[in-house]
Amino acid sequence: MKLLKLRRDDSRSMLLLAFPAMVTQLSATMVQIVDTIFIGQISPLALAAAAITGIIIFNITAVGDGFSTGLVATVSRMIGGGDRKNASVFATTGIVVLTLTGALFVPILLAGAGVLFKILQIPSELEVTAWEYYSVFISFVPAIFAFEALSATFRARGDTKTPMIVGFGINIVNIFLDWLLIFGKWGFPAMGVRGAALASGLSFFVGALLLLLISIFSKEGLFTLKRFYLSFSHFVRILRIGIPSMLERFAMSFSQLLVMSLAVNPQGSLAIASFHIVMRLASLSFMPGFGFAMATATLTGQHLGASDPEGAERMIWIGTFYCGILMAAVSVIYFALPNQLISLFSTSPEIILATAGPLRIYACFAVFLAPAMVARGGLQGAGDTAFTLKTMLLSRFVIRLPLAWLLGVYLELGLSGVWLAMCMDFILRGITFMIYTRRGQWKTRTV
């Protein structure tokens, strides 16, 4: 009975953190999805341009995501051990450094846009539209990085509700600004894809500002002006965990760029737009994975900080179980209703026909993302980011990339072949992370 009660308590702790985290991630993803829906009403050309720039932006934000992993691991470990002072120093240092890093990135990314576009082999008819979206959105990278760092500090102390509420606010702002700026309402000029990028950027700026104010004025906040203190040694400890995670996220993003460049872009604008739609729908199904991965990372770190390694492993399995159930349910919907879902983004018969098959292929294997994402989150929360990096490099560059080219281009299976290759990638990762979790070497990691 004691064990049964413990499992109920563990499940309750997991669900109370995971569902707000899931909604938070959904809110951030909806910013891009709403943009895609609005941009799809402009033209297929605009949709394809946004697809390509979206992949570039995902690579850039991978730096912030990776650094935030180091923040969650260090801050949650301090919270679990009852050391609030050091938790605050870790949080403050991480937020300031990541925001400044984003500011340094802006001029570099704008100057290097031409090189990036050439690497991606962007079709000439898309270059102007892609630049319009890219140049505006990149200016908001500091705000995006600040939002990621602040959200990480809230999650690390077990508060996923505040980022969830702020996430709702972001979406309200984004929907209103999309309508206002893309189509030129209330006297504003119709800015097209530039309006979509501006709406997204301003939404993240508002979200970062709200989280900062809440952290400063809340009693539980870890970023406070009264105890404002930056520490180089704490920064190094964040980087020790964050750098492998950053490299992992960058490798994940860069490999996706290569998949686009080698296996998708050569198939033309229609394939690019179709691939983008499947990615957007897939990103919605990632929400259980993101939510439970975030919750598992926090709870794993807190259990290890409280010297309870068995409890840390138990959190990983509980998170994977619940996530698997939700992802299986989403997969059934995607397989049964592909045309209806695709039509939310485009009513073009050509795009619907090109997209339905790849979406169904993804639906058949999406459940494997549960261990691939949740177990990975638990290992990162424990600070074992080196192993997750090695696994990502293997699966992305040895499995996904060559297989995508082989099936999609060489064997001429098109987007269906590309998505089959991507599915083989996360099946491998899911199995690998489950085996490694059971072996338990990660439980002795220090931060």
Protein backbone atom coordinates (compact mmCIF):
# COMPACT_ATOMS: atom_id res chain seq x y z
CA MET A 1 0.00 0.00 0.00
CA LYS A 2 2.88 2.37 0.76
CA LEU A 3 4.34 1.77 -2.69
CA LEU A 4 0.93 2.26 -4.30
CA LYS A 5 0.46 5.58 -2.50
CA LEU A 6 3.96 6.64 -3.51
CA ARG A 7 3.17 5.91 -7.15
CA ARG A 8 -0.01 7.93 -6.92
CA ASP A 9 1.94 10.83 -5.42
CA ASP A 10 4.57 10.52 -8.13
CA SER A 11 1.91 10.54 -10.83
CA ARG A 12 0.24 13.55 -9.27
CA SER A 13 3.56 15.45 -9.11
CA MET A 14 4.30 14.57 -12.71
CA LEU A 15 0.88 15.54 -14.07
CA LEU A 16 0.73 18.80 -12.11
CA LEU A 17 3.99 19.88 -13.74
CA ALA A 18 3.59 18.25 -17.15
CA PHE A 19 0.22 19.59 -18.24
CA PRO A 20 0.98 23.29 -17.62
CA ALA A 21 4.38 22.76 -19.28
CA MET A 22 2.61 21.12 -22.21
CA VAL A 23 0.21 24.04 -22.55
CA THR A 24 3.15 26.47 -22.32
CA GLN A 25 4.99 24.72 -25.12
CA LEU A 26 1.77 24.52 -27.10
CA SER A 27 1.35 28.27 -26.71
CA ALA A 28 4.87 28.93 -28.00
CA THR A 29 4.31 26.55 -30.91
CA MET A 30 0.93 28.09 -31.68
CA VAL A 31 2.67 31.40 -32.32
CA GLN A 32 4.35 29.80 -35.34
CA ILE A 33 1.29 27.75 -36.32
CA VAL A 34 -0.96 30.81 -36.34
CA ASP A 35 1.63 32.55 -38.52
CA THR A 36 1.60 29.57 -40.88
CA ILE A 37 -2.20 29.62 -41.13
CA PHE A 38 -2.25 33.36 -41.85
CA ILE A 39 0.69 33.17 -44.28
CA GLY A 40 -0.99 30.27 -46.09
CA GLN A 41 -3.78 32.70 -46.98
CA ILE A 42 -1.27 34.94 -48.78
CA SER A 43 0.14 32.41 -51.25
CA PRO A 44 1.89 29.01 -51.47
CA LEU A 45 5.09 30.94 -52.27
CA ALA A 46 4.87 32.85 -49.00
CA LEU A 47 4.20 29.60 -47.14
CA ALA A 48 7.28 27.93 -48.64
CA ALA A 49 9.45 30.95 -47.79
CA ALA A 50 8.26 30.91 -44.19
CA ALA A 51 8.98 27.17 -44.05
CA ILE A 52 12.62 27.63 -44.99
CA THR A 53 13.24 30.56 -42.68
CA GLY A 54 11.48 28.67 -39.90
CA ILE A 55 14.11 25.93 -40.11
CA ILE A 56 16.90 28.53 -39.84
CA ILE A 57 15.22 30.17 -36.86
CA PHE A 58 14.82 26.77 -35.18
CA ASN A 59 18.59 26.32 -35.46
CA ILE A 60 19.18 29.69 -33.84
CA THR A 61 16.79 29.16 -30.94
CA ALA A 62 18.46 25.79 -30.33
CA VAL A 63 21.27 27.71 -28.63
CA GLY A 64 18.84 29.21 -26.15
CA ASP A 65 17.10 25.88 -25.58
CA GLY A 66 20.41 24.12 -24.91
CA PHE A 67 21.59 26.75 -22.46
CA SER A 68 18.21 26.61 -20.71
CA THR A 69 18.76 22.87 -20.17
CA GLY A 70 21.83 23.73 -18.10
CA LEU A 71 19.74 26.22 -16.16
CA VAL A 72 17.04 23.66 -15.35
CA ALA A 73 19.58 21.04 -14.25
CA THR A 74 21.50 23.39 -11.94
CA VAL A 75 18.57 25.35 -10.50
CA SER A 76 16.39 22.26 -9.90
CA ARG A 77 19.29 20.50 -8.16
CA MET A 78 19.72 23.50 -5.84
CA ILE A 79 15.98 23.68 -5.16
CA GLY A 80 15.88 19.95 -4.38
CA GLY A 81 18.75 20.40 -1.92
CA GLY A 82 17.12 23.43 -0.26
CA ASP A 83 19.82 25.89 -1.42
CA ARG A 84 17.70 28.81 -2.63
CA LYS A 85 20.58 31.31 -2.56
CA ASN A 86 22.63 29.43 -5.13
CA ALA A 87 19.50 28.70 -7.15
CA SER A 88 18.97 32.47 -7.44
CA VAL A 89 22.57 33.06 -8.51
CA PHE A 90 22.33 30.35 -11.18
CA ALA A 91 19.04 31.81 -12.44
CA THR A 92 20.19 35.44 -12.54
CA THR A 93 23.48 34.60 -14.22
CA GLY A 94 21.82 32.41 -16.83
CA ILE A 95 19.10 34.91 -17.73
CA VAL A 96 21.49 37.83 -18.17
CA VAL A 97 24.13 35.91 -20.12
CA LEU A 98 21.65 34.27 -22.50
CA THR A 99 19.90 37.56 -23.26
CA LEU A 100 23.23 39.28 -24.03
CA THR A 101 24.21 36.34 -26.24
CA GLY A 102 21.04 36.86 -28.25
CA ALA A 103 21.91 40.53 -28.72
CA LEU A 104 25.36 39.59 -30.05
CA PHE A 105 23.82 37.12 -32.49
CA VAL A 106 21.59 39.65 -34.28
CA PRO A 107 24.17 41.51 -36.44
CA ILE A 108 26.03 38.27 -37.21
CA LEU A 109 22.88 36.49 -38.35
CA LEU A 110 21.73 39.38 -40.50
CA ALA A 111 25.12 39.72 -42.19
CA GLY A 112 25.34 35.96 -42.82
CA ALA A 113 21.87 35.53 -44.30
CA GLY A 114 23.16 35.27 -47.87
CA VAL A 115 25.49 32.42 -46.97
CA LEU A 116 22.74 30.57 -45.13
CA PHE A 117 20.36 30.89 -48.07
CA LYS A 118 23.01 29.47 -50.43
CA ILE A 119 23.74 26.53 -48.12
CA LEU A 120 20.04 25.73 -48.04
CA GLN A 121 19.78 25.93 -51.82
CA ILE A 122 16.73 28.15 -51.51
CA PRO A 123 14.94 28.40 -54.87
CA SER A 124 15.49 31.81 -56.46
CA GLU A 125 11.77 32.61 -56.48
CA LEU A 126 11.70 32.34 -52.67
CA GLU A 127 14.75 34.44 -51.78
CA VAL A 128 13.08 37.85 -51.52
CA THR A 129 10.10 36.61 -49.50
CA ALA A 130 12.34 34.53 -47.23
CA TRP A 131 14.52 37.57 -46.50
CA GLU A 132 11.48 39.67 -45.63
CA TYR A 133 10.46 37.20 -42.91
CA TYR A 134 13.97 36.34 -41.71
CA SER A 135 15.31 39.91 -41.38
CA VAL A 136 12.43 41.02 -39.17
CA PHE A 137 12.22 37.95 -36.92
CA ILE A 138 15.97 37.80 -36.26
CA SER A 139 15.85 41.22 -34.59
CA PHE A 140 13.88 39.64 -31.73
CA VAL A 141 16.35 36.85 -30.90
CA PRO A 142 17.37 38.55 -27.59
CA ALA A 143 13.72 38.58 -26.48
CA ILE A 144 13.29 34.92 -27.48
CA PHE A 145 16.41 33.91 -25.55
CA ALA A 146 15.29 35.89 -22.51
CA PHE A 147 11.87 34.21 -22.66
CA GLU A 148 13.49 30.75 -22.80
CA ALA A 149 15.83 31.45 -19.88
CA LEU A 150 13.11 32.94 -17.68
CA SER A 151 10.73 30.07 -18.45
CA ALA A 152 13.48 27.59 -17.50
CA THR A 153 13.97 29.17 -14.07
CA PHE A 154 10.25 28.97 -13.32
CA ARG A 155 10.11 25.32 -14.39
CA ALA A 156 13.21 24.43 -12.39
CA ARG A 157 11.57 25.50 -9.14
CA GLY A 158 8.42 23.54 -10.00
CA ASP A 159 6.26 26.39 -11.28
CA THR A 160 4.93 25.53 -14.73
CA LYS A 161 1.65 27.42 -14.29
CA THR A 162 3.14 30.92 -14.59
CA PRO A 163 4.79 30.24 -17.99
CA MET A 164 1.50 28.64 -19.06
CA ILE A 165 -0.52 31.77 -18.26
CA VAL A 166 2.05 34.00 -19.96
CA GLY A 167 1.95 31.65 -22.95
CA PHE A 168 -1.76 32.31 -23.32
CA GLY A 169 -1.00 36.03 -23.32
CA ILE A 170 1.60 35.56 -26.06
CA ASN A 171 -0.92 33.86 -28.32
CA ILE A 172 -3.57 36.50 -27.83
CA VAL A 173 -1.05 39.20 -28.74
CA ASN A 174 0.22 37.22 -31.74
CA ILE A 175 -3.21 36.47 -33.20
CA PHE A 176 -4.26 40.09 -32.90
CA LEU A 177 -1.00 41.43 -34.39
CA ASP A 178 -1.05 38.86 -37.22
CA TRP A 179 -4.51 40.02 -38.23
CA LEU A 180 -3.50 43.67 -37.84
CA LEU A 181 -0.12 43.61 -39.61
CA ILE A 182 -0.36 40.87 -42.26
CA PHE A 183 -3.56 42.15 -43.85
CA GLY A 184 -3.33 45.84 -42.87
CA LYS A 185 -6.27 46.50 -40.54
CA TRP A 186 -7.20 49.69 -38.64
CA GLY A 187 -5.11 51.86 -40.92
CA PHE A 188 -1.94 49.79 -40.65
CA PRO A 189 -0.15 48.89 -43.91
CA ALA A 190 -0.54 45.32 -45.21
CA MET A 191 2.94 43.93 -44.48
CA GLY A 192 2.45 40.30 -45.58
CA VAL A 193 5.15 37.93 -44.32
CA ARG A 194 7.01 40.84 -42.68
CA GLY A 195 3.90 41.48 -40.60
CA ALA A 196 3.82 37.83 -39.52
CA ALA A 197 7.46 37.96 -38.41
CA LEU A 198 6.93 41.25 -36.56
CA ALA A 199 3.85 39.86 -34.81
CA SER A 200 5.76 36.77 -33.61
CA GLY A 201 8.75 38.77 -32.43
CA LEU A 202 6.67 41.29 -30.50
CA SER A 203 4.72 38.45 -28.89
CA PHE A 204 7.90 36.88 -27.49
CA PHE A 205 9.06 40.31 -26.31
CA VAL A 206 5.82 40.77 -24.37
CA GLY A 207 6.16 37.27 -22.89
CA ALA A 208 9.76 37.84 -21.76
CA LEU A 209 8.82 41.18 -20.18
CA LEU A 210 5.91 39.65 -18.27
CA LEU A 211 8.01 36.76 -16.91
CA LEU A 212 10.76 39.18 -15.88
CA LEU A 213 8.33 41.41 -13.96
CA ILE A 214 6.71 38.41 -12.26
CA SER A 215 10.11 37.04 -11.25
CA ILE A 216 11.21 40.40 -9.82
CA PHE A 217 8.06 41.15 -7.85
CA SER A 218 7.11 37.61 -6.79
CA LYS A 219 8.31 36.30 -3.42
CA GLU A 220 9.17 32.99 -5.08
CA GLY A 221 10.99 34.60 -8.01
CA LEU A 222 14.66 33.71 -8.47
CA PHE A 223 15.57 36.86 -10.42
CA THR A 224 15.44 39.75 -7.96
CA LEU A 225 16.99 43.20 -8.05
CA LYS A 226 17.70 43.08 -4.31
CA ARG A 227 19.90 39.99 -4.67
CA PHE A 228 21.18 40.74 -8.17
CA TYR A 229 24.45 38.84 -8.40
CA LEU A 230 26.34 37.38 -11.37
CA SER A 231 28.85 34.60 -10.82
CA PHE A 232 31.43 33.37 -13.32
CA SER A 233 31.79 30.04 -11.49
CA HIS A 234 28.04 29.47 -11.67
CA PHE A 235 28.11 30.39 -15.36
CA VAL A 236 30.80 27.75 -15.96
CA ARG A 237 28.71 25.12 -14.17
CA ILE A 238 25.70 25.98 -16.33
CA LEU A 239 27.86 25.71 -19.44
CA ARG A 240 29.28 22.35 -18.37
CA ILE A 241 25.80 20.92 -18.75
CA GLY A 242 24.49 23.42 -21.27
CA ILE A 243 27.22 23.14 -23.92
CA PRO A 244 26.57 19.46 -24.75
CA SER A 245 22.86 20.25 -24.79
CA MET A 246 23.46 23.27 -27.04
CA LEU A 247 25.55 21.14 -29.38
CA GLU A 248 22.83 18.50 -29.33
CA ARG A 249 20.11 20.98 -30.19
CA PHE A 250 22.29 22.56 -32.85
CA ALA A 251 23.11 19.15 -34.33
CA MET A 252 19.42 18.31 -34.32
CA SER A 253 18.56 21.59 -36.03
CA PHE A 254 21.49 21.54 -38.43
CA SER A 255 20.70 18.01 -39.51
CA GLN A 256 17.17 19.17 -40.27
CA LEU A 257 18.63 21.96 -42.38
CA LEU A 258 20.63 19.39 -44.30
CA VAL A 259 17.57 17.20 -44.75
CA MET A 260 15.77 20.21 -46.21
CA SER A 261 18.73 21.12 -48.41
CA LEU A 262 19.54 17.63 -49.73
CA ALA A 263 16.20 15.80 -49.73
CA VAL A 264 13.33 18.33 -49.67
CA ASN A 265 14.35 21.59 -51.39
CA PRO A 266 15.45 19.85 -54.62
CA GLN A 267 11.86 18.61 -54.98
CA GLY A 268 10.59 22.18 -55.43
CA SER A 269 8.32 24.73 -53.75
CA LEU A 270 5.34 22.37 -53.47
CA ALA A 271 7.39 19.81 -51.54
CA ILE A 272 8.80 22.53 -49.28
CA ALA A 273 5.33 23.82 -48.42
CA SER A 274 4.03 20.26 -47.81
CA PHE A 275 6.99 19.36 -45.63
CA HIS A 276 6.41 22.53 -43.61
CA ILE A 277 2.77 21.64 -42.99
CA VAL A 278 3.63 18.14 -41.75
CA MET A 279 6.28 19.66 -39.49
CA ARG A 280 3.75 22.10 -38.07
CA LEU A 281 1.23 19.33 -37.40
CA ALA A 282 3.98 17.13 -35.99
CA SER A 283 5.05 19.97 -33.70
CA LEU A 284 1.54 19.95 -32.24
CA SER A 285 1.86 16.24 -31.47
CA PHE A 286 5.23 16.94 -29.83
CA MET A 287 3.41 18.82 -27.06
CA PRO A 288 2.97 15.82 -24.73
CA GLY A 289 6.65 15.00 -25.29
CA PHE A 290 7.78 18.54 -24.52
CA GLY A 291 5.50 18.85 -21.50
CA PHE A 292 6.48 15.56 -19.89
CA ALA A 293 10.16 16.05 -20.82
CA MET A 294 10.18 19.42 -19.03
CA ALA A 295 8.40 18.00 -15.98
CA THR A 296 10.68 14.95 -15.92
CA ALA A 297 13.81 17.11 -16.14
CA THR A 298 12.67 19.18 -13.16
CA LEU A 299 11.59 16.22 -11.01
CA THR A 300 14.68 14.18 -11.88
CA GLY A 301 16.94 17.06 -10.86
CA GLN A 302 15.00 17.66 -7.64
CA HIS A 303 15.07 13.97 -6.65
CA LEU A 304 18.81 13.76 -7.26
CA GLY A 305 19.28 16.97 -5.27
CA ALA A 306 17.38 15.29 -2.43
CA SER A 307 19.65 12.17 -2.72
CA ASP A 308 16.87 9.98 -4.12
CA PRO A 309 18.26 8.42 -7.35
CA GLU A 310 15.61 5.67 -7.46
CA GLY A 311 12.88 8.29 -7.30
CA ALA A 312 14.61 10.12 -10.17
CA GLU A 313 14.46 7.01 -12.38
CA ARG A 314 10.86 6.39 -11.40
CA MET A 315 9.96 9.88 -12.67
CA ILE A 316 11.41 9.06 -16.08
CA TRP A 317 9.28 5.92 -16.46
CA ILE A 318 6.12 7.62 -15.20
CA GLY A 319 6.59 10.52 -17.60
CA THR A 320 7.24 8.18 -20.53
CA PHE A 321 4.11 6.14 -19.75
CA TYR A 322 1.70 9.06 -19.64
CA CYS A 323 3.29 10.73 -22.66
CA GLY A 324 3.00 7.52 -24.69
CA ILE A 325 -0.74 7.33 -24.03
CA LEU A 326 -1.33 10.89 -25.22
CA MET A 327 0.87 10.57 -28.29
CA ALA A 328 -0.91 7.37 -29.32
CA ALA A 329 -4.23 9.21 -29.16
CA VAL A 330 -2.91 12.06 -31.30
CA SER A 331 -1.53 9.57 -33.83
CA VAL A 332 -4.96 8.01 -34.33
CA ILE A 333 -6.44 11.44 -35.14
CA TYR A 334 -3.64 12.27 -37.57
CA PHE A 335 -3.98 8.96 -39.39
CA ALA A 336 -7.77 9.16 -39.62
CA LEU A 337 -8.19 12.84 -40.60
CA PRO A 338 -5.15 13.97 -42.63
CA ASN A 339 -7.02 15.98 -45.28
CA GLN A 340 -9.10 17.89 -42.74
CA LEU A 341 -6.01 18.83 -40.73
CA ILE A 342 -3.97 19.85 -43.78
CA SER A 343 -6.81 22.05 -45.04
CA LEU A 344 -6.34 24.25 -41.96
CA PHE A 345 -3.08 25.41 -43.54
CA SER A 346 -3.89 25.28 -47.24
CA THR A 347 -6.92 24.42 -49.37
CA SER A 348 -4.77 23.78 -52.44
CA PRO A 349 -5.62 20.29 -53.79
CA GLU A 350 -2.00 19.79 -54.84
CA ILE A 351 -0.68 20.51 -51.34
CA ILE A 352 -3.30 18.33 -49.66
CA LEU A 353 -2.48 15.42 -51.97
CA ALA A 354 1.29 15.81 -51.44
CA THR A 355 0.97 16.09 -47.65
CA ALA A 356 -1.55 13.38 -46.65
CA GLY A 357 0.77 10.39 -47.20
CA PRO A 358 3.76 11.76 -45.24
CA LEU A 359 1.44 12.80 -42.40
CA ARG A 360 0.05 9.26 -42.12
CA ILE A 361 3.57 7.81 -42.12
CA TYR A 362 4.46 10.09 -39.22
CA ALA A 363 1.28 9.07 -37.37
CA CYS A 364 2.26 5.38 -37.54
CA PHE A 365 5.49 5.91 -35.60
CA ALA A 366 4.91 9.03 -33.48
CA VAL A 367 4.43 7.03 -30.25
CA PHE A 368 8.18 6.27 -30.23
CA LEU A 369 8.77 9.95 -29.56
CA ALA A 370 7.54 9.41 -25.98
CA PRO A 371 10.74 7.70 -24.76
CA ALA A 372 12.86 9.64 -27.25
CA MET A 373 11.75 12.94 -25.69
CA VAL A 374 10.84 12.15 -22.08
CA ALA A 375 13.76 9.88 -21.19
CA ARG A 376 16.06 12.40 -22.85
CA GLY A 377 14.53 15.15 -20.69
CA GLY A 378 15.13 13.11 -17.54
CA LEU A 379 18.76 12.45 -18.46
CA GLN A 380 19.31 16.13 -19.16
CA GLY A 381 17.69 17.05 -15.85
CA ALA A 382 20.22 14.76 -14.21
CA GLY A 383 23.01 16.62 -16.00
CA ASP A 384 23.96 13.74 -18.33
CA THR A 385 23.85 15.81 -21.50
CA ALA A 386 26.96 14.18 -22.99
CA PHE A 387 25.15 10.90 -23.65
CA THR A 388 22.11 12.57 -25.17
CA LEU A 389 24.47 14.52 -27.46
CA LYS A 390 26.22 11.34 -28.68
CA THR A 391 22.90 9.63 -29.31
CA MET A 392 21.56 12.61 -31.23
CA LEU A 393 24.65 12.80 -33.43
CA LEU A 394 24.39 9.10 -34.25
CA SER A 395 20.68 9.05 -35.01
CA ARG A 396 20.54 12.31 -36.93
CA PHE A 397 23.67 12.08 -39.09
CA VAL A 398 24.10 8.32 -39.48
CA ILE A 399 20.42 7.36 -39.73
CA ARG A 400 18.16 10.30 -40.62
CA LEU A 401 20.24 12.31 -43.08
CA PRO A 402 21.60 9.59 -45.42
CA LEU A 403 18.36 7.61 -45.23
CA ALA A 404 16.30 10.71 -46.11
CA TRP A 405 18.39 11.26 -49.24
CA LEU A 406 18.37 7.55 -50.14
CA LEU A 407 14.61 7.08 -49.79
CA GLY A 408 13.42 10.54 -50.76
CA VAL A 409 15.71 11.38 -53.68
CA TYR A 410 17.67 8.36 -54.90
CA LEU A 411 14.77 5.89 -54.69
CA GLU A 412 12.34 8.69 -55.66
CA LEU A 413 9.88 8.10 -52.83
CA GLY A 414 9.55 11.86 -52.34
CA LEU A 415 8.34 13.28 -49.03
CA SER A 416 7.03 9.88 -47.93
CA GLY A 417 10.59 8.55 -48.06
CA VAL A 418 11.94 11.56 -46.17
CA TRP A 419 9.40 11.12 -43.37
CA LEU A 420 10.01 7.39 -43.16
CA ALA A 421 13.71 8.14 -42.62
CA MET A 422 12.86 10.66 -39.90
CA CYS A 423 10.68 8.09 -38.15
CA MET A 424 13.51 5.54 -38.16
CA ASP A 425 15.63 8.16 -36.40
CA PHE A 426 13.36 8.67 -33.40
CA ILE A 427 12.64 4.94 -33.09
CA LEU A 428 16.37 4.38 -32.62
CA ARG A 429 16.63 7.20 -30.09
CA GLY A 430 13.64 6.01 -28.08
CA ILE A 431 15.03 2.48 -27.71
CA THR A 432 18.53 3.75 -26.88
CA PHE A 433 17.35 6.14 -24.16
CA MET A 434 15.20 3.47 -22.51
CA ILE A 435 18.14 1.04 -22.31
CA TYR A 436 20.47 3.73 -20.94
CA THR A 437 17.93 4.88 -18.36
CA ARG A 438 17.60 1.35 -17.02
CA ARG A 439 21.37 0.90 -16.70
CA GLY A 440 21.53 3.88 -14.32
CA GLN A 441 25.01 5.37 -14.82
CA TRP A 442 23.43 8.84 -15.10
CA LYS A 443 22.37 8.76 -11.44
CA THR A 444 25.91 9.58 -10.27
CA ARG A 445 26.34 12.72 -12.38
CA THR A 446 27.27 15.93 -10.53
CA VAL A 447 26.39 19.48 -11.54
